[in-house]
């Protein structure tokens, strides 16, 4: 008889300790949600993370476009198409959706971009496959950017 009473007392104590104040768990969840709220960046202002801090573009240089097209075909086209989703996003109109600095930083620094840049993180969530680092130089990334400038979304 005493054992039954002790057992019930332990069960009651256990349930009481697990239940606690109903308001506390909700407050903890709300606090976690506030901390975890993603930082929204304006895609037409975000420069990304990497070596390119500022870039001023002039008129499109057709010589650079031709070299950029060749680089795109050899380094990028296995995962990206201009007008349709593939392994990665379609790149037509990329210069209308992202800053030139962001585009170049994504090409030059994809690992850190997908780890720290909110826009790149969202792209990784959507496309699953991370962007491969092609070990391009800044000059090569600039040539590819020049090619992208000729590929509008229209």
C-alpha atoms as a PDB file:
ATOM      1  CA  UNK A   1       0.000   0.000   0.000  1.00  0.00           C
ATOM      2  CA  UNK A   2       2.802   2.423   0.866  1.00  0.00           C
ATOM      3  CA  UNK A   3       4.532   1.585  -2.437  1.00  0.00           C
ATOM      4  CA  UNK A   4       1.409   2.520  -4.398  1.00  0.00           C
ATOM      5  CA  UNK A   5       1.186   5.878  -2.599  1.00  0.00           C
ATOM      6  CA  UNK A   6       4.871   6.616  -3.212  1.00  0.00           C
ATOM      7  CA  UNK A   7       4.519   5.671  -6.876  1.00  0.00           C
ATOM      8  CA  UNK A   8       1.561   8.018  -7.322  1.00  0.00           C
ATOM      9  CA  UNK A   9       3.401  10.782  -5.510  1.00  0.00           C
ATOM     10  CA  UNK A  10       6.418  10.369  -7.824  1.00  0.00           C
ATOM     11  CA  UNK A  11       4.190  10.379 -10.908  1.00  0.00           C
ATOM     12  CA  UNK A  12       2.427  13.526  -9.695  1.00  0.00           C
ATOM     13  CA  UNK A  13       5.762  15.201  -8.916  1.00  0.00           C
ATOM     14  CA  UNK A  14       7.117  14.262 -12.352  1.00  0.00           C
ATOM     15  CA  UNK A  15       4.032  15.586 -14.147  1.00  0.00           C
ATOM     16  CA  UNK A  16       4.090  18.805 -12.118  1.00  0.00           C
ATOM     17  CA  UNK A  17       7.784  19.385 -12.905  1.00  0.00           C
ATOM     18  CA  UNK A  18       7.227  18.829 -16.626  1.00  0.00           C
ATOM     19  CA  UNK A  19       4.105  20.975 -16.830  1.00  0.00           C
ATOM     20  CA  UNK A  20       5.306  24.099 -15.047  1.00  0.00           C
ATOM     21  CA  UNK A  21       3.811  27.469 -15.856  1.00  0.00           C
ATOM     22  CA  UNK A  22       2.074  27.378 -19.236  1.00  0.00           C
ATOM     23  CA  UNK A  23       3.232  30.920 -20.016  1.00  0.00           C
ATOM     24  CA  UNK A  24       6.959  30.184 -19.714  1.00  0.00           C
ATOM     25  CA  UNK A  25       7.349  27.859 -22.732  1.00  0.00           C
ATOM     26  CA  UNK A  26       5.423  30.284 -24.954  1.00  0.00           C
ATOM     27  CA  UNK A  27       7.677  33.144 -23.851  1.00  0.00           C
ATOM     28  CA  UNK A  28      10.758  31.064 -24.609  1.00  0.00           C
ATOM     29  CA  UNK A  29       9.458  30.166 -28.064  1.00  0.00           C
ATOM     30  CA  UNK A  30       8.666  33.791 -28.840  1.00  0.00           C
ATOM     31  CA  UNK A  31      12.153  34.844 -27.781  1.00  0.00           C
ATOM     32  CA  UNK A  32      13.713  32.166 -30.010  1.00  0.00           C
ATOM     33  CA  UNK A  33      11.595  33.281 -32.963  1.00  0.00           C
ATOM     34  CA  UNK A  34      12.711  36.888 -32.524  1.00  0.00           C
ATOM     35  CA  UNK A  35      16.374  35.879 -32.474  1.00  0.00           C
ATOM     36  CA  UNK A  36      16.007  33.553 -35.458  1.00  0.00           C
ATOM     37  CA  UNK A  37      14.200  36.106 -37.641  1.00  0.00           C
ATOM     38  CA  UNK A  38      16.149  36.367 -40.915  1.00  0.00           C
ATOM     39  CA  UNK A  39      17.678  39.646 -41.929  1.00  0.00           C
ATOM     40  CA  UNK A  40      16.070  40.799 -45.149  1.00  0.00           C
ATOM     41  CA  UNK A  41      18.394  42.544 -47.567  1.00  0.00           C
ATOM     42  CA  UNK A  42      17.300  44.514 -50.577  1.00  0.00           C
ATOM     43  CA  UNK A  43      18.613  42.462 -53.531  1.00  0.00           C
ATOM     44  CA  UNK A  44      19.224  45.566 -55.614  1.00  0.00           C
ATOM     45  CA  UNK A  45      21.434  47.060 -52.877  1.00  0.00           C
ATOM     46  CA  UNK A  46      23.145  43.964 -51.405  1.00  0.00           C
ATOM     47  CA  UNK A  47      26.776  43.792 -52.512  1.00  0.00           C
ATOM     48  CA  UNK A  48      27.398  40.339 -51.059  1.00  0.00           C
ATOM     49  CA  UNK A  49      30.468  39.106 -49.218  1.00  0.00           C
ATOM     50  CA  UNK A  50      33.824  38.967 -50.924  1.00  0.00           C
ATOM     51  CA  UNK A  51      36.574  40.991 -52.510  1.00  0.00           C
ATOM     52  CA  UNK A  52      34.357  43.232 -54.657  1.00  0.00           C
ATOM     53  CA  UNK A  53      33.248  46.203 -52.547  1.00  0.00           C
ATOM     54  CA  UNK A  54      32.391  48.679 -55.289  1.00  0.00           C
ATOM     55  CA  UNK A  55      32.113  48.479 -59.057  1.00  0.00           C
ATOM     56  CA  UNK A  56      31.259  51.197 -61.548  1.00  0.00           C
ATOM     57  CA  UNK A  57      29.981  49.973 -64.885  1.00  0.00           C
ATOM     58  CA  UNK A  58      30.392  51.836 -68.152  1.00  0.00           C
ATOM     59  CA  UNK A  59      28.858  51.099 -71.543  1.00  0.00           C
ATOM     60  CA  UNK A  60      28.845  47.433 -72.483  1.00  0.00           C
ATOM     61  CA  UNK A  61      32.180  46.350 -73.969  1.00  0.00           C
ATOM     62  CA  UNK A  62      31.551  43.830 -76.772  1.00  0.00           C
ATOM     63  CA  UNK A  63      35.103  42.443 -76.552  1.00  0.00           C
ATOM     64  CA  UNK A  64      34.572  41.675 -72.866  1.00  0.00           C
ATOM     65  CA  UNK A  65      31.158  40.182 -73.671  1.00  0.00           C
ATOM     66  CA  UNK A  66      32.679  37.738 -76.168  1.00  0.00           C
ATOM     67  CA  UNK A  67      35.344  36.621 -73.674  1.00  0.00           C
ATOM     68  CA  UNK A  68      32.737  36.416 -70.912  1.00  0.00           C
ATOM     69  CA  UNK A  69      30.487  34.264 -73.093  1.00  0.00           C
ATOM     70  CA  UNK A  70      33.342  31.819 -73.695  1.00  0.00           C
ATOM     71  CA  UNK A  71      34.090  31.667 -69.959  1.00  0.00           C
ATOM     72  CA  UNK A  72      30.396  31.196 -69.167  1.00  0.00           C
ATOM     73  CA  UNK A  73      30.195  28.280 -71.616  1.00  0.00           C
ATOM     74  CA  UNK A  74      33.288  26.590 -70.178  1.00  0.00           C
ATOM     75  CA  UNK A  75      32.769  27.287 -66.458  1.00  0.00           C
ATOM     76  CA  UNK A  76      29.080  27.951 -65.792  1.00  0.00           C
ATOM     77  CA  UNK A  77      26.851  26.279 -68.376  1.00  0.00           C
ATOM     78  CA  UNK A  78      27.043  22.820 -66.780  1.00  0.00           C
ATOM     79  CA  UNK A  79      24.854  24.152 -63.949  1.00  0.00           C
ATOM     80  CA  UNK A  80      23.248  27.342 -65.299  1.00  0.00           C
ATOM     81  CA  UNK A  81      21.179  28.182 -68.328  1.00  0.00           C
ATOM     82  CA  UNK A  82      20.347  31.721 -69.355  1.00  0.00           C
ATOM     83  CA  UNK A  83      16.598  31.339 -69.828  1.00  0.00           C
ATOM     84  CA  UNK A  84      15.591  28.436 -67.582  1.00  0.00           C
ATOM     85  CA  UNK A  85      16.168  26.877 -64.208  1.00  0.00           C
ATOM     86  CA  UNK A  86      18.665  24.032 -64.267  1.00  0.00           C
ATOM     87  CA  UNK A  87      20.919  22.856 -61.434  1.00  0.00           C
ATOM     88  CA  UNK A  88      21.154  26.526 -60.509  1.00  0.00           C
ATOM     89  CA  UNK A  89      18.919  29.499 -61.272  1.00  0.00           C
ATOM     90  CA  UNK A  90      18.410  30.971 -64.729  1.00  0.00           C
ATOM     91  CA  UNK A  91      20.883  33.797 -65.223  1.00  0.00           C
ATOM     92  CA  UNK A  92      18.985  35.905 -67.753  1.00  0.00           C
ATOM     93  CA  UNK A  93      18.229  39.214 -66.053  1.00  0.00           C
ATOM     94  CA  UNK A  94      20.584  38.539 -63.127  1.00  0.00           C
ATOM     95  CA  UNK A  95      21.983  42.070 -63.436  1.00  0.00           C
ATOM     96  CA  UNK A  96      18.432  43.408 -63.026  1.00  0.00           C
ATOM     97  CA  UNK A  97      17.919  41.402 -59.816  1.00  0.00           C
ATOM     98  CA  UNK A  98      21.349  41.710 -58.170  1.00  0.00           C
ATOM     99  CA  UNK A  99      24.100  44.282 -57.884  1.00  0.00           C
ATOM    100  CA  UNK A 100      27.224  43.801 -60.023  1.00  0.00           C
ATOM    101  CA  UNK A 101      29.237  43.385 -56.794  1.00  0.00           C
ATOM    102  CA  UNK A 102      26.909  40.619 -55.569  1.00  0.00           C
ATOM    103  CA  UNK A 103      27.187  38.735 -58.868  1.00  0.00           C
ATOM    104  CA  UNK A 104      30.975  38.914 -58.858  1.00  0.00           C
ATOM    105  CA  UNK A 105      31.233  38.009 -55.163  1.00  0.00           C
ATOM    106  CA  UNK A 106      28.987  34.986 -55.758  1.00  0.00           C
ATOM    107  CA  UNK A 107      31.290  33.878 -58.576  1.00  0.00           C
ATOM    108  CA  UNK A 108      34.490  34.538 -56.611  1.00  0.00           C
ATOM    109  CA  UNK A 109      33.418  33.617 -53.077  1.00  0.00           C
ATOM    110  CA  UNK A 110      30.509  31.129 -53.258  1.00  0.00           C
ATOM    111  CA  UNK A 111      31.310  29.231 -50.040  1.00  0.00           C
ATOM    112  CA  UNK A 112      31.188  32.293 -47.800  1.00  0.00           C
ATOM    113  CA  UNK A 113      28.247  33.764 -49.699  1.00  0.00           C
ATOM    114  CA  UNK A 114      26.024  30.701 -49.118  1.00  0.00           C
ATOM    115  CA  UNK A 115      27.157  30.551 -45.491  1.00  0.00           C
ATOM    116  CA  UNK A 116      26.605  34.218 -44.601  1.00  0.00           C
ATOM    117  CA  UNK A 117      24.620  36.132 -47.229  1.00  0.00           C
ATOM    118  CA  UNK A 118      20.834  35.863 -46.691  1.00  0.00           C
ATOM    119  CA  UNK A 119      20.007  35.976 -50.411  1.00  0.00           C
ATOM    120  CA  UNK A 120      22.589  33.318 -51.273  1.00  0.00           C
ATOM    121  CA  UNK A 121      21.324  31.187 -48.366  1.00  0.00           C
ATOM    122  CA  UNK A 122      17.795  31.324 -49.773  1.00  0.00           C
ATOM    123  CA  UNK A 123      19.083  30.298 -53.178  1.00  0.00           C
ATOM    124  CA  UNK A 124      20.892  27.331 -51.610  1.00  0.00           C
ATOM    125  CA  UNK A 125      17.683  26.300 -49.829  1.00  0.00           C
ATOM    126  CA  UNK A 126      15.764  26.476 -53.110  1.00  0.00           C
ATOM    127  CA  UNK A 127      18.313  24.827 -55.403  1.00  0.00           C
ATOM    128  CA  UNK A 128      19.893  22.453 -52.840  1.00  0.00           C
ATOM    129  CA  UNK A 129      23.202  22.298 -54.683  1.00  0.00           C
ATOM    130  CA  UNK A 130      25.800  24.888 -53.594  1.00  0.00           C
ATOM    131  CA  UNK A 131      27.518  26.974 -56.218  1.00  0.00           C
ATOM    132  CA  UNK A 132      30.859  25.463 -57.175  1.00  0.00           C
ATOM    133  CA  UNK A 133      33.961  27.569 -56.755  1.00  0.00           C
ATOM    134  CA  UNK A 134      35.527  27.688 -60.215  1.00  0.00           C
ATOM    135  CA  UNK A 135      38.646  29.463 -58.898  1.00  0.00           C
ATOM    136  CA  UNK A 136      38.180  32.337 -61.313  1.00  0.00           C
ATOM    137  CA  UNK A 137      40.138  35.560 -61.127  1.00  0.00           C
ATOM    138  CA  UNK A 138      38.457  38.924 -60.580  1.00  0.00           C
ATOM    139  CA  UNK A 139      39.122  39.725 -64.238  1.00  0.00           C
ATOM    140  CA  UNK A 140      37.392  36.511 -65.368  1.00  0.00           C
ATOM    141  CA  UNK A 141      34.418  37.161 -63.073  1.00  0.00           C
ATOM    142  CA  UNK A 142      34.186  40.674 -64.523  1.00  0.00           C
ATOM    143  CA  UNK A 143      34.113  39.255 -68.065  1.00  0.00           C
ATOM    144  CA  UNK A 144      31.268  36.907 -67.120  1.00  0.00           C
ATOM    145  CA  UNK A 145      29.410  39.805 -65.518  1.00  0.00           C
ATOM    146  CA  UNK A 146      29.795  41.774 -68.762  1.00  0.00           C
ATOM    147  CA  UNK A 147      28.251  38.849 -70.662  1.00  0.00           C
ATOM    148  CA  UNK A 148      25.379  38.693 -68.148  1.00  0.00           C
ATOM    149  CA  UNK A 149      24.708  42.405 -68.729  1.00  0.00           C
ATOM    150  CA  UNK A 150      23.635  41.506 -72.275  1.00  0.00           C
ATOM    151  CA  UNK A 151      21.207  38.823 -71.054  1.00  0.00           C
ATOM    152  CA  UNK A 152      18.105  40.600 -69.840  1.00  0.00           C
ATOM    153  CA  UNK A 153      15.004  38.878 -68.530  1.00  0.00           C
ATOM    154  CA  UNK A 154      12.919  39.984 -71.521  1.00  0.00           C
END
